Amino acid sequence: MLPQLTAGRLFVTDGGLETTLIFHHGIDLPYFAAFDLLKDEAGRDALRRYYAPYVAVARRRGAGIVLDSATWRASRDWGERLGYSAEQLAEANRRAVGLVEEMRDAEPAVDAVLNGVVGPRGDGYVVGETMTAADAEAYHGEQIGTFAGTAADMVSAITMTYVEEALGIARAAQAAGLPAVISFTVETDGRLPSGQPLREAVEQVDAETGSSPAYYMVNCAHPTHFAGVLEDGPWLERVGGLRANASTMSHAELDEATELDEGDPAQLAADYRALRDRLPRATVLGGCCGTDDRHVAAVADAWVR
C-alpha cells in the first residue's frame, strides 16, 4: 500500500522541475533533460537545492511528499541524444533515485515516497510518432527495470499524450512489481493531445490492465483546461492527484514562449480548491510547468481549508 492512498492524507509533490531550473536557477538543460545534472556534484547540489523547499512545505504542513526522480527524459532515445550509453543511462536513473532517497533520509519526520519518473518517448506536448502498447512496454521497460533495482517505491508516467504509451508503461511496471501512476496531459478542451477524452483514456487503461495503476493524475495543463470534463462517474475515484501548470496558455503557446509564465499562486490554489469535491480520492497535489514551492504551498493550504 502506498501511503498516499490513505483517504484524507495530503501528500505534496514538487513543481515544475525543468522550468524552475532554467528560468529561476539559470541552468541550461538541453532537451529539458534534468537527469544530465546527476553526472557531477555541482549538478547534484543544484537538484538538492531544488528539492529542499518542497520537503520544507511538507514538513511545515504535516503532509507527506512524493519525491520524484529527475528522470523524465532518462529513457533510451533521449539518453542517446545526449551521448549516454545504455549503462551510463541506467546509472543516471539509479543516481536519481539515490538522490531523492538522500532527501528522504535527511528529513525522517516527513513521510516520503520515492517515485521513479518515466516520461514520454516523444515530445510531451504533442503526440508525434506513436508506439503500440507492446512497443511502449518494451521501450519503457528498460527504465522501469532499472527502477526496480533501486529504493523506488513506485513509478509514474508523466505527461502521457496518448493511451497506448500509458498502457505499455502500466504493463511494464506490473511486470517489474512496482506500483504505477499514470498521469495524462490534456489540451485546453480537456482532451488528450491524441484527441481522446480523458475519461475514456482512464477507463481504457483500467479495462486493458485489470485496473493495475494505483491511481491516475492530470498534469501539465491548467485546471481550467480540464475542470469541465470532470463529470460524475466512477472513473473520478481513480484520479488520485493533480499537477497543474501555472499558466492558462495552451501547449502550443507554451512551446513558443521565451519567458516563464508563473501565473498567480493564489488563483491557481483557488482553481485547485474548486475541484476538490469532484475528486474524492485526490490526495497528491503538486505543480508542473511554471510552478515552484510557492504554488505548491498555496495549493496545499487551499485544499485542506
C-alpha atoms as a PDB file:
ATOM      1  CA  MET A   1       0.000   0.000   0.000  1.00  0.00           C
ATOM      2  CA  LEU A   2       1.255   3.429  -0.930  1.00  0.00           C
ATOM      3  CA  PRO A   3       0.674   5.812   1.983  1.00  0.00           C
ATOM      4  CA  GLN A   4      -0.823   8.469  -0.285  1.00  0.00           C
ATOM      5  CA  LEU A   5      -3.745   6.138  -0.932  1.00  0.00           C
ATOM      6  CA  THR A   6      -4.973   6.709   2.617  1.00  0.00           C
ATOM      7  CA  ALA A   7      -8.146   8.773   2.416  1.00  0.00           C
ATOM      8  CA  GLY A   8      -7.771  12.289   3.760  1.00  0.00           C
ATOM      9  CA  ARG A   9      -3.973  12.127   3.910  1.00  0.00           C
ATOM     10  CA  LEU A  10      -2.363  15.000   2.000  1.00  0.00           C
ATOM     11  CA  PHE A  11       0.827  14.447   0.019  1.00  0.00           C
ATOM     12  CA  VAL A  12       2.563  17.178  -1.941  1.00  0.00           C
ATOM     13  CA  THR A  13       4.950  16.858  -4.853  1.00  0.00           C
ATOM     14  CA  ASP A  14       7.417  19.268  -6.362  1.00  0.00           C
ATOM     15  CA  GLY A  15       6.505  21.755  -9.091  1.00  0.00           C
ATOM     16  CA  GLY A  16       7.985  22.433 -12.497  1.00  0.00           C
ATOM     17  CA  LEU A  17      11.465  20.962 -12.156  1.00  0.00           C
ATOM     18  CA  GLU A  18      12.755  21.924 -15.575  1.00  0.00           C
ATOM     19  CA  THR A  19      11.159  25.372 -15.760  1.00  0.00           C
ATOM     20  CA  THR A  20      12.438  26.216 -12.275  1.00  0.00           C
ATOM     21  CA  LEU A  21      15.987  25.117 -13.058  1.00  0.00           C
ATOM     22  CA  ILE A  22      16.047  27.003 -16.364  1.00  0.00           C
ATOM     23  CA  PHE A  23      14.256  30.223 -15.504  1.00  0.00           C
ATOM     24  CA  HIS A  24      14.911  30.615 -11.769  1.00  0.00           C
ATOM     25  CA  HIS A  25      18.296  28.933 -11.363  1.00  0.00           C
ATOM     26  CA  GLY A  26      19.766  29.826 -14.757  1.00  0.00           C
ATOM     27  CA  ILE A  27      20.748  26.249 -15.597  1.00  0.00           C
ATOM     28  CA  ASP A  28      20.921  25.097 -19.199  1.00  0.00           C
ATOM     29  CA  LEU A  29      19.016  21.853 -19.761  1.00  0.00           C
ATOM     30  CA  PRO A  30      19.425  20.504 -23.296  1.00  0.00           C
ATOM     31  CA  TYR A  31      16.247  18.633 -24.283  1.00  0.00           C
ATOM     32  CA  PHE A  32      14.777  19.516 -20.860  1.00  0.00           C
ATOM     33  CA  ALA A  33      16.910  16.663 -19.529  1.00  0.00           C
ATOM     34  CA  ALA A  34      17.415  17.325 -15.822  1.00  0.00           C
ATOM     35  CA  PHE A  35      18.951  13.886 -15.329  1.00  0.00           C
ATOM     36  CA  ASP A  36      22.115  15.160 -17.009  1.00  0.00           C
ATOM     37  CA  LEU A  37      22.809  17.183 -13.843  1.00  0.00           C
ATOM     38  CA  LEU A  38      23.439  13.942 -11.956  1.00  0.00           C
ATOM     39  CA  LYS A  39      26.788  13.424 -13.687  1.00  0.00           C
ATOM     40  CA  ASP A  40      28.698  15.707 -11.293  1.00  0.00           C
ATOM     41  CA  GLU A  41      28.470  17.037  -7.748  1.00  0.00           C
ATOM     42  CA  ALA A  42      27.618  20.577  -8.843  1.00  0.00           C
ATOM     43  CA  GLY A  43      24.584  19.290 -10.706  1.00  0.00           C
ATOM     44  CA  ARG A  44      23.534  17.095  -7.818  1.00  0.00           C
ATOM     45  CA  ASP A  45      23.809  20.078  -5.477  1.00  0.00           C
ATOM     46  CA  ALA A  46      21.544  22.058  -7.801  1.00  0.00           C
ATOM     47  CA  LEU A  47      18.948  19.298  -7.555  1.00  0.00           C
ATOM     48  CA  ARG A  48      19.259  19.177  -3.765  1.00  0.00           C
ATOM     49  CA  ARG A  49      18.603  22.925  -3.630  1.00  0.00           C
ATOM     50  CA  TYR A  50      15.599  22.395  -5.862  1.00  0.00           C
ATOM     51  CA  TYR A  51      14.033  19.644  -3.747  1.00  0.00           C
ATOM     52  CA  ALA A  52      14.664  21.204  -0.324  1.00  0.00           C
ATOM     53  CA  PRO A  53      11.859  23.834  -0.367  1.00  0.00           C
ATOM     54  CA  TYR A  54       9.263  21.192  -1.209  1.00  0.00           C
ATOM     55  CA  VAL A  55      10.349  18.965   1.648  1.00  0.00           C
ATOM     56  CA  ALA A  56      10.041  22.059   3.853  1.00  0.00           C
ATOM     57  CA  VAL A  57       6.485  22.666   2.577  1.00  0.00           C
ATOM     58  CA  ALA A  58       5.546  19.106   3.539  1.00  0.00           C
ATOM     59  CA  ARG A  59       7.186  19.418   6.946  1.00  0.00           C
ATOM     60  CA  ARG A  60       5.523  22.707   7.832  1.00  0.00           C
ATOM     61  CA  ARG A  61       2.079  21.438   6.854  1.00  0.00           C
ATOM     62  CA  GLY A  62       2.356  17.972   8.376  1.00  0.00           C
ATOM     63  CA  ALA A  63       1.939  16.452   4.931  1.00  0.00           C
ATOM     64  CA  GLY A  64       3.734  13.630   3.178  1.00  0.00           C
ATOM     65  CA  ILE A  65       5.686  14.125  -0.026  1.00  0.00           C
ATOM     66  CA  VAL A  66       6.101  12.166  -3.243  1.00  0.00           C
ATOM     67  CA  LEU A  67       9.732  12.754  -4.212  1.00  0.00           C
ATOM     68  CA  ASP A  68      10.111  12.489  -7.982  1.00  0.00           C
ATOM     69  CA  SER A  69      13.393  11.386  -9.501  1.00  0.00           C
ATOM     70  CA  ALA A  70      14.792  13.785 -12.124  1.00  0.00           C
ATOM     71  CA  THR A  71      14.334  11.179 -14.852  1.00  0.00           C
ATOM     72  CA  TRP A  72      11.535  12.447 -17.094  1.00  0.00           C
ATOM     73  CA  ARG A  73      13.973  12.377 -20.027  1.00  0.00           C
ATOM     74  CA  ALA A  74      16.125   9.465 -18.833  1.00  0.00           C
ATOM     75  CA  SER A  75      14.970   6.890 -21.360  1.00  0.00           C
ATOM     76  CA  ARG A  76      16.905   5.409 -24.260  1.00  0.00           C
ATOM     77  CA  ASP A  77      16.172   7.836 -27.113  1.00  0.00           C
ATOM     78  CA  TRP A  78      16.795  10.973 -25.054  1.00  0.00           C
ATOM     79  CA  GLY A  79      19.891   9.451 -23.477  1.00  0.00           C
ATOM     80  CA  GLU A  80      21.340   8.681 -26.896  1.00  0.00           C
ATOM     81  CA  ARG A  81      20.825  12.286 -27.983  1.00  0.00           C
ATOM     82  CA  LEU A  82      22.912  13.380 -25.014  1.00  0.00           C
ATOM     83  CA  GLY A  83      25.628  10.790 -25.694  1.00  0.00           C
ATOM     84  CA  TYR A  84      24.758   8.329 -22.916  1.00  0.00           C
ATOM     85  CA  SER A  85      25.445   4.633 -23.322  1.00  0.00           C
ATOM     86  CA  ALA A  86      22.866   2.164 -22.009  1.00  0.00           C
ATOM     87  CA  GLU A  87      24.904   1.586 -18.851  1.00  0.00           C
ATOM     88  CA  GLN A  88      25.514   5.290 -18.281  1.00  0.00           C
ATOM     89  CA  LEU A  89      21.801   5.923 -18.616  1.00  0.00           C
ATOM     90  CA  ALA A  90      20.953   3.153 -16.168  1.00  0.00           C
ATOM     91  CA  GLU A  91      23.458   4.619 -13.719  1.00  0.00           C
ATOM     92  CA  ALA A  92      21.855   8.060 -14.089  1.00  0.00           C
ATOM     93  CA  ASN A  93      18.482   6.565 -13.216  1.00  0.00           C
ATOM     94  CA  ARG A  94      19.973   4.843 -10.176  1.00  0.00           C
ATOM     95  CA  ARG A  95      21.647   8.068  -9.071  1.00  0.00           C
ATOM     96  CA  ALA A  96      18.392   9.966  -9.466  1.00  0.00           C
ATOM     97  CA  VAL A  97      16.575   7.613  -7.116  1.00  0.00           C
ATOM     98  CA  GLY A  98      19.559   7.676  -4.780  1.00  0.00           C
ATOM     99  CA  LEU A  99      19.335  11.451  -4.587  1.00  0.00           C
ATOM    100  CA  VAL A 100      15.667  11.514  -3.568  1.00  0.00           C
ATOM    101  CA  GLU A 101      16.446   8.697  -1.124  1.00  0.00           C
ATOM    102  CA  GLU A 102      19.052  11.012   0.377  1.00  0.00           C
ATOM    103  CA  MET A 103      16.479  13.818   0.622  1.00  0.00           C
ATOM    104  CA  ARG A 104      14.057  11.469   2.349  1.00  0.00           C
ATOM    105  CA  ASP A 105      16.631  10.263   4.854  1.00  0.00           C
ATOM    106  CA  ALA A 106      17.607  13.831   5.736  1.00  0.00           C
ATOM    107  CA  GLU A 107      14.028  14.551   6.923  1.00  0.00           C
ATOM    108  CA  PRO A 108      12.849  11.438   8.795  1.00  0.00           C
ATOM    109  CA  ALA A 109       9.862  13.320  10.245  1.00  0.00           C
ATOM    110  CA  VAL A 110       8.366  13.673   6.746  1.00  0.00           C
ATOM    111  CA  ASP A 111       6.641  10.642   5.243  1.00  0.00           C
ATOM    112  CA  ALA A 112       8.276  10.447   1.817  1.00  0.00           C
ATOM    113  CA  VAL A 113       7.534   8.159  -1.136  1.00  0.00           C
ATOM    114  CA  LEU A 114      10.295   7.663  -3.704  1.00  0.00           C
ATOM    115  CA  ASN A 115       8.925   7.911  -7.215  1.00  0.00           C
ATOM    116  CA  GLY A 116      10.743   6.842 -10.368  1.00  0.00           C
ATOM    117  CA  VAL A 117       9.553   9.203 -13.089  1.00  0.00           C
ATOM    118  CA  VAL A 118       9.002   7.925 -16.625  1.00  0.00           C
ATOM    119  CA  GLY A 119       8.474  10.488 -19.358  1.00  0.00           C
ATOM    120  CA  PRO A 120       7.148  10.112 -22.881  1.00  0.00           C
ATOM    121  CA  ARG A 121       9.350   8.758 -25.623  1.00  0.00           C
ATOM    122  CA  GLY A 122       8.314  11.767 -27.660  1.00  0.00           C
ATOM    123  CA  ASP A 123       7.681  15.424 -27.014  1.00  0.00           C
ATOM    124  CA  GLY A 124       5.255  15.543 -24.091  1.00  0.00           C
ATOM    125  CA  TYR A 125       3.128  18.291 -25.639  1.00  0.00           C
ATOM    126  CA  VAL A 126       2.259  16.639 -28.951  1.00  0.00           C
ATOM    127  CA  VAL A 127       1.689  13.027 -29.929  1.00  0.00           C
ATOM    128  CA  GLY A 128       4.116  12.756 -32.856  1.00  0.00           C
ATOM    129  CA  GLU A 129       5.214   9.240 -33.729  1.00  0.00           C
ATOM    130  CA  THR A 130       3.261   6.656 -31.780  1.00  0.00           C
ATOM    131  CA  MET A 131       4.011   3.194 -30.432  1.00  0.00           C
ATOM    132  CA  THR A 132       1.809   0.204 -29.889  1.00  0.00           C
ATOM    133  CA  ALA A 133       1.240  -0.752 -26.277  1.00  0.00           C
ATOM    134  CA  ALA A 134       3.621  -3.692 -26.763  1.00  0.00           C
ATOM    135  CA  ASP A 135       6.340  -1.438 -28.168  1.00  0.00           C
ATOM    136  CA  ALA A 136       5.856   1.014 -25.299  1.00  0.00           C
ATOM    137  CA  GLU A 137       6.106  -1.804 -22.760  1.00  0.00           C
ATOM    138  CA  ALA A 138       9.414  -2.937 -24.255  1.00  0.00           C
ATOM    139  CA  TYR A 139      10.834   0.583 -24.577  1.00  0.00           C
ATOM    140  CA  HIS A 140       9.886   1.891 -21.133  1.00  0.00           C
ATOM    141  CA  GLY A 141      10.511  -1.473 -19.529  1.00  0.00           C
ATOM    142  CA  GLU A 142      14.240  -0.731 -19.734  1.00  0.00           C
ATOM    143  CA  GLN A 143      13.980   2.289 -17.438  1.00  0.00           C
ATOM    144  CA  ILE A 144      11.361   0.709 -15.178  1.00  0.00           C
ATOM    145  CA  GLY A 145      13.542  -2.377 -14.821  1.00  0.00           C
ATOM    146  CA  THR A 146      16.332  -0.150 -13.569  1.00  0.00           C
ATOM    147  CA  PHE A 147      13.975   1.464 -11.040  1.00  0.00           C
ATOM    148  CA  ALA A 148      13.007  -1.992  -9.794  1.00  0.00           C
ATOM    149  CA  GLY A 149      16.594  -2.475  -8.631  1.00  0.00           C
ATOM    150  CA  THR A 150      16.594   0.739  -6.574  1.00  0.00           C
ATOM    151  CA  ALA A 151      14.800   2.033  -3.487  1.00  0.00           C
ATOM    152  CA  ALA A 152      11.960   3.419  -5.641  1.00  0.00           C
ATOM    153  CA  ASP A 153       8.552   2.754  -4.092  1.00  0.00           C
ATOM    154  CA  MET A 154       6.645   3.363  -7.312  1.00  0.00           C
ATOM    155  CA  VAL A 155       6.869   4.732 -10.845  1.00  0.00           C
ATOM    156  CA  SER A 156       4.856   7.474 -12.508  1.00  0.00           C
ATOM    157  CA  ALA A 157       4.272   8.023 -16.198  1.00  0.00           C
ATOM    158  CA  ILE A 158       4.211  11.803 -16.557  1.00  0.00           C
ATOM    159  CA  THR A 159       2.662  13.810 -19.434  1.00  0.00           C
ATOM    160  CA  MET A 160       1.207  10.912 -21.347  1.00  0.00           C
ATOM    161  CA  THR A 161      -0.269  12.206 -24.600  1.00  0.00           C
ATOM    162  CA  TYR A 162      -1.870   9.010 -25.944  1.00  0.00           C
ATOM    163  CA  VAL A 163      -3.242   5.897 -24.347  1.00  0.00           C
ATOM    164  CA  GLU A 164      -1.081   3.177 -25.935  1.00  0.00           C
ATOM    165  CA  GLU A 165       2.083   4.548 -24.337  1.00  0.00           C
ATOM    166  CA  ALA A 166       0.338   4.693 -20.975  1.00  0.00           C
ATOM    167  CA  LEU A 167      -0.810   1.096 -21.392  1.00  0.00           C
ATOM    168  CA  GLY A 168       2.725  -0.081 -22.120  1.00  0.00           C
ATOM    169  CA  ILE A 169       4.121   1.669 -19.066  1.00  0.00           C
ATOM    170  CA  ALA A 170       1.393   0.271 -16.808  1.00  0.00           C
ATOM    171  CA  ARG A 171       2.146  -3.244 -18.032  1.00  0.00           C
ATOM    172  CA  ALA A 172       5.907  -2.809 -17.696  1.00  0.00           C
ATOM    173  CA  ALA A 173       5.515  -1.606 -14.122  1.00  0.00           C
ATOM    174  CA  GLN A 174       3.231  -4.505 -13.311  1.00  0.00           C
ATOM    175  CA  ALA A 175       5.792  -6.944 -14.725  1.00  0.00           C
ATOM    176  CA  ALA A 176       8.526  -5.291 -12.636  1.00  0.00           C
ATOM    177  CA  GLY A 177       6.443  -5.469  -9.459  1.00  0.00           C
ATOM    178  CA  LEU A 178       6.208  -1.698  -8.965  1.00  0.00           C
ATOM    179  CA  PRO A 179       3.027   0.301  -8.343  1.00  0.00           C
ATOM    180  CA  ALA A 180       2.384   2.656 -11.242  1.00  0.00           C
ATOM    181  CA  VAL A 181       0.666   6.003 -11.568  1.00  0.00           C
ATOM    182  CA  ILE A 182      -0.479   7.193 -14.979  1.00  0.00           C
ATOM    183  CA  SER A 183      -0.616  10.951 -15.454  1.00  0.00           C
ATOM    184  CA  PHE A 184      -2.200  12.255 -18.628  1.00  0.00           C
ATOM    185  CA  THR A 185      -1.806  15.740 -20.036  1.00  0.00           C
ATOM    186  CA  VAL A 186      -4.679  17.437 -21.806  1.00  0.00           C
ATOM    187  CA  GLU A 187      -5.252  20.314 -24.166  1.00  0.00           C
ATOM    188  CA  THR A 188      -7.417  23.346 -23.424  1.00  0.00           C
ATOM    189  CA  ASP A 189     -10.526  21.291 -24.311  1.00  0.00           C
ATOM    190  CA  GLY A 190      -9.771  18.661 -21.662  1.00  0.00           C
ATOM    191  CA  ARG A 191      -8.866  16.001 -24.232  1.00  0.00           C
ATOM    192  CA  LEU A 192      -5.532  14.255 -24.569  1.00  0.00           C
ATOM    193  CA  PRO A 193      -3.340  15.608 -27.386  1.00  0.00           C
ATOM    194  CA  SER A 194      -4.405  12.474 -29.265  1.00  0.00           C
ATOM    195  CA  GLY A 195      -7.981  13.776 -29.167  1.00  0.00           C
ATOM    196  CA  GLN A 196      -9.233  11.076 -26.806  1.00  0.00           C
ATOM    197  CA  PRO A 197     -11.404  12.250 -23.907  1.00  0.00           C
ATOM    198  CA  LEU A 198      -9.681  11.993 -20.527  1.00  0.00           C
ATOM    199  CA  ARG A 199     -12.390   9.777 -19.124  1.00  0.00           C
ATOM    200  CA  GLU A 200     -12.059   7.293 -21.984  1.00  0.00           C
ATOM    201  CA  ALA A 201      -8.286   7.144 -21.564  1.00  0.00           C
ATOM    202  CA  VAL A 202      -8.561   6.311 -17.857  1.00  0.00           C
ATOM    203  CA  GLU A 203     -11.263   3.743 -18.472  1.00  0.00           C
ATOM    204  CA  GLN A 204      -9.330   2.127 -21.329  1.00  0.00           C
ATOM    205  CA  VAL A 205      -6.138   1.708 -19.308  1.00  0.00           C
ATOM    206  CA  ASP A 206      -8.122   0.206 -16.451  1.00  0.00           C
ATOM    207  CA  ALA A 207     -10.024  -2.119 -18.774  1.00  0.00           C
ATOM    208  CA  GLU A 208      -6.895  -3.366 -20.553  1.00  0.00           C
ATOM    209  CA  THR A 209      -4.645  -3.753 -17.489  1.00  0.00           C
ATOM    210  CA  GLY A 210      -7.059  -5.119 -14.916  1.00  0.00           C
ATOM    211  CA  SER A 211      -7.020  -1.694 -13.205  1.00  0.00           C
ATOM    212  CA  SER A 212      -3.337  -2.172 -12.412  1.00  0.00           C
ATOM    213  CA  PRO A 213      -2.394   1.531 -11.939  1.00  0.00           C
ATOM    214  CA  ALA A 214      -2.503   2.614  -8.313  1.00  0.00           C
ATOM    215  CA  TYR A 215      -4.239   5.807  -9.440  1.00  0.00           C
ATOM    216  CA  TYR A 216      -4.267   8.407 -12.192  1.00  0.00           C
ATOM    217  CA  MET A 217      -3.236  12.036 -12.324  1.00  0.00           C
ATOM    218  CA  VAL A 218      -3.590  15.020 -14.632  1.00  0.00           C
ATOM    219  CA  ASN A 219      -0.528  17.163 -15.184  1.00  0.00           C
ATOM    220  CA  CYS A 220       0.943  19.845 -17.451  1.00  0.00           C
ATOM    221  CA  ALA A 221      -2.379  21.610 -18.006  1.00  0.00           C
ATOM    222  CA  HIS A 222      -4.131  24.432 -16.155  1.00  0.00           C
ATOM    223  CA  PRO A 223      -7.151  23.418 -14.013  1.00  0.00           C
ATOM    224  CA  THR A 224      -9.442  25.480 -16.237  1.00  0.00           C
ATOM    225  CA  HIS A 225      -8.466  23.240 -19.150  1.00  0.00           C
ATOM    226  CA  PHE A 226      -9.891  20.082 -17.604  1.00  0.00           C
ATOM    227  CA  ALA A 227     -12.383  21.215 -14.964  1.00  0.00           C
ATOM    228  CA  GLY A 228     -15.225  20.911 -17.460  1.00  0.00           C
ATOM    229  CA  VAL A 229     -14.578  17.222 -18.197  1.00  0.00           C
ATOM    230  CA  LEU A 230     -14.564  16.054 -14.583  1.00  0.00           C
ATOM    231  CA  GLU A 231     -18.169  14.937 -14.848  1.00  0.00           C
ATOM    232  CA  ASP A 232     -19.750  12.414 -12.495  1.00  0.00           C
ATOM    233  CA  GLY A 233     -18.739   8.798 -12.828  1.00  0.00           C
ATOM    234  CA  PRO A 234     -16.800   6.018 -11.112  1.00  0.00           C
ATOM    235  CA  TRP A 235     -13.680   6.983 -13.060  1.00  0.00           C
ATOM    236  CA  LEU A 236     -13.270  10.114 -10.943  1.00  0.00           C
ATOM    237  CA  GLU A 237     -12.489   7.909  -7.942  1.00  0.00           C
ATOM    238  CA  ARG A 238      -9.428   6.722  -9.859  1.00  0.00           C
ATOM    239  CA  VAL A 239      -7.991  10.258 -10.091  1.00  0.00           C
ATOM    240  CA  GLY A 240      -5.597  10.471  -7.148  1.00  0.00           C
ATOM    241  CA  GLY A 241      -3.690  13.652  -7.854  1.00  0.00           C
ATOM    242  CA  LEU A 242      -3.179  16.866  -9.782  1.00  0.00           C
ATOM    243  CA  ARG A 243      -0.050  18.628 -11.021  1.00  0.00           C
ATOM    244  CA  ALA A 244      -1.245  21.623 -12.978  1.00  0.00           C
ATOM    245  CA  ASN A 245       0.580  24.323 -14.907  1.00  0.00           C
ATOM    246  CA  ALA A 246       0.764  27.848 -13.560  1.00  0.00           C
ATOM    247  CA  SER A 247      -0.165  29.274 -16.952  1.00  0.00           C
ATOM    248  CA  THR A 248      -3.500  29.158 -18.737  1.00  0.00           C
ATOM    249  CA  MET A 249      -1.700  29.082 -22.095  1.00  0.00           C
ATOM    250  CA  SER A 250      -2.053  26.135 -24.441  1.00  0.00           C
ATOM    251  CA  HIS A 251       0.798  23.711 -25.039  1.00  0.00           C
ATOM    252  CA  ALA A 252       1.461  25.324 -28.408  1.00  0.00           C
ATOM    253  CA  GLU A 253       1.693  28.757 -26.796  1.00  0.00           C
ATOM    254  CA  LEU A 254       3.952  27.488 -24.022  1.00  0.00           C
ATOM    255  CA  ASP A 255       6.218  25.853 -26.576  1.00  0.00           C
ATOM    256  CA  GLU A 256       6.778  29.231 -28.232  1.00  0.00           C
ATOM    257  CA  ALA A 257       7.169  31.227 -25.013  1.00  0.00           C
ATOM    258  CA  THR A 258      10.567  32.747 -24.232  1.00  0.00           C
ATOM    259  CA  GLU A 259       9.622  33.955 -20.762  1.00  0.00           C
ATOM    260  CA  LEU A 260       8.221  31.973 -17.856  1.00  0.00           C
ATOM    261  CA  ASP A 261       4.531  32.467 -17.106  1.00  0.00           C
ATOM    262  CA  GLU A 262       4.322  31.944 -13.340  1.00  0.00           C
ATOM    263  CA  GLY A 263       0.621  32.746 -13.160  1.00  0.00           C
ATOM    264  CA  ASP A 264      -0.813  33.656  -9.756  1.00  0.00           C
ATOM    265  CA  PRO A 265      -0.193  31.127  -6.937  1.00  0.00           C
ATOM    266  CA  ALA A 266      -3.291  32.247  -5.024  1.00  0.00           C
ATOM    267  CA  GLN A 267      -5.550  31.941  -8.062  1.00  0.00           C
ATOM    268  CA  LEU A 268      -4.069  28.582  -9.001  1.00  0.00           C
ATOM    269  CA  ALA A 269      -4.743  27.374  -5.456  1.00  0.00           C
ATOM    270  CA  ALA A 270      -8.354  28.558  -5.717  1.00  0.00           C
ATOM    271  CA  ASP A 271      -8.725  26.728  -9.031  1.00  0.00           C
ATOM    272  CA  TYR A 272      -7.469  23.524  -7.380  1.00  0.00           C
ATOM    273  CA  ARG A 273      -9.805  24.002  -4.422  1.00  0.00           C
ATOM    274  CA  ALA A 274     -12.776  24.333  -6.750  1.00  0.00           C
ATOM    275  CA  LEU A 275     -12.128  20.761  -7.942  1.00  0.00           C
ATOM    276  CA  ARG A 276     -11.892  19.126  -4.533  1.00  0.00           C
ATOM    277  CA  ASP A 277     -15.483  17.956  -4.231  1.00  0.00           C
ATOM    278  CA  ARG A 278     -15.334  16.371  -7.693  1.00  0.00           C
ATOM    279  CA  LEU A 279     -12.213  14.355  -6.884  1.00  0.00           C
ATOM    280  CA  PRO A 280     -12.955  12.395  -3.704  1.00  0.00           C
ATOM    281  CA  ARG A 281      -9.760  10.320  -3.914  1.00  0.00           C
ATOM    282  CA  ALA A 282      -7.288  13.062  -4.779  1.00  0.00           C
ATOM    283  CA  THR A 283      -4.593  13.190  -2.099  1.00  0.00           C
ATOM    284  CA  VAL A 284      -1.475  14.082  -4.132  1.00  0.00           C
ATOM    285  CA  LEU A 285      -1.066  17.734  -5.109  1.00  0.00           C
ATOM    286  CA  GLY A 286       1.807  19.499  -6.796  1.00  0.00           C
ATOM    287  CA  GLY A 287       2.673  21.553  -9.829  1.00  0.00           C
ATOM    288  CA  CYS A 288       4.053  21.364 -13.315  1.00  0.00           C
ATOM    289  CA  CYS A 289       5.407  23.932 -15.789  1.00  0.00           C
ATOM    290  CA  GLY A 290       5.869  27.387 -14.302  1.00  0.00           C
ATOM    291  CA  THR A 291       5.147  26.372 -10.716  1.00  0.00           C
ATOM    292  CA  ASP A 292       7.523  26.351  -7.757  1.00  0.00           C
ATOM    293  CA  ASP A 293       7.274  25.829  -3.991  1.00  0.00           C
ATOM    294  CA  ARG A 294       5.139  28.975  -3.603  1.00  0.00           C
ATOM    295  CA  HIS A 295       2.439  27.486  -5.793  1.00  0.00           C
ATOM    296  CA  VAL A 296       2.569  24.094  -4.098  1.00  0.00           C
ATOM    297  CA  ALA A 297       2.357  25.668  -0.634  1.00  0.00           C
ATOM    298  CA  ALA A 298      -0.657  27.757  -1.671  1.00  0.00           C
ATOM    299  CA  VAL A 299      -2.379  24.733  -3.227  1.00  0.00           C
ATOM    300  CA  ALA A 300      -1.828  22.620  -0.113  1.00  0.00           C
ATOM    301  CA  ASP A 301      -3.233  25.322   2.132  1.00  0.00           C
ATOM    302  CA  ALA A 302      -6.294  25.884  -0.036  1.00  0.00           C
ATOM    303  CA  TRP A 303      -7.065  22.165  -0.386  1.00  0.00           C
ATOM    304  CA  VAL A 304      -7.289  21.465   3.351  1.00  0.00           C
ATOM    305  CA  ARG A 305      -9.043  24.734   4.272  1.00  0.00           C
END
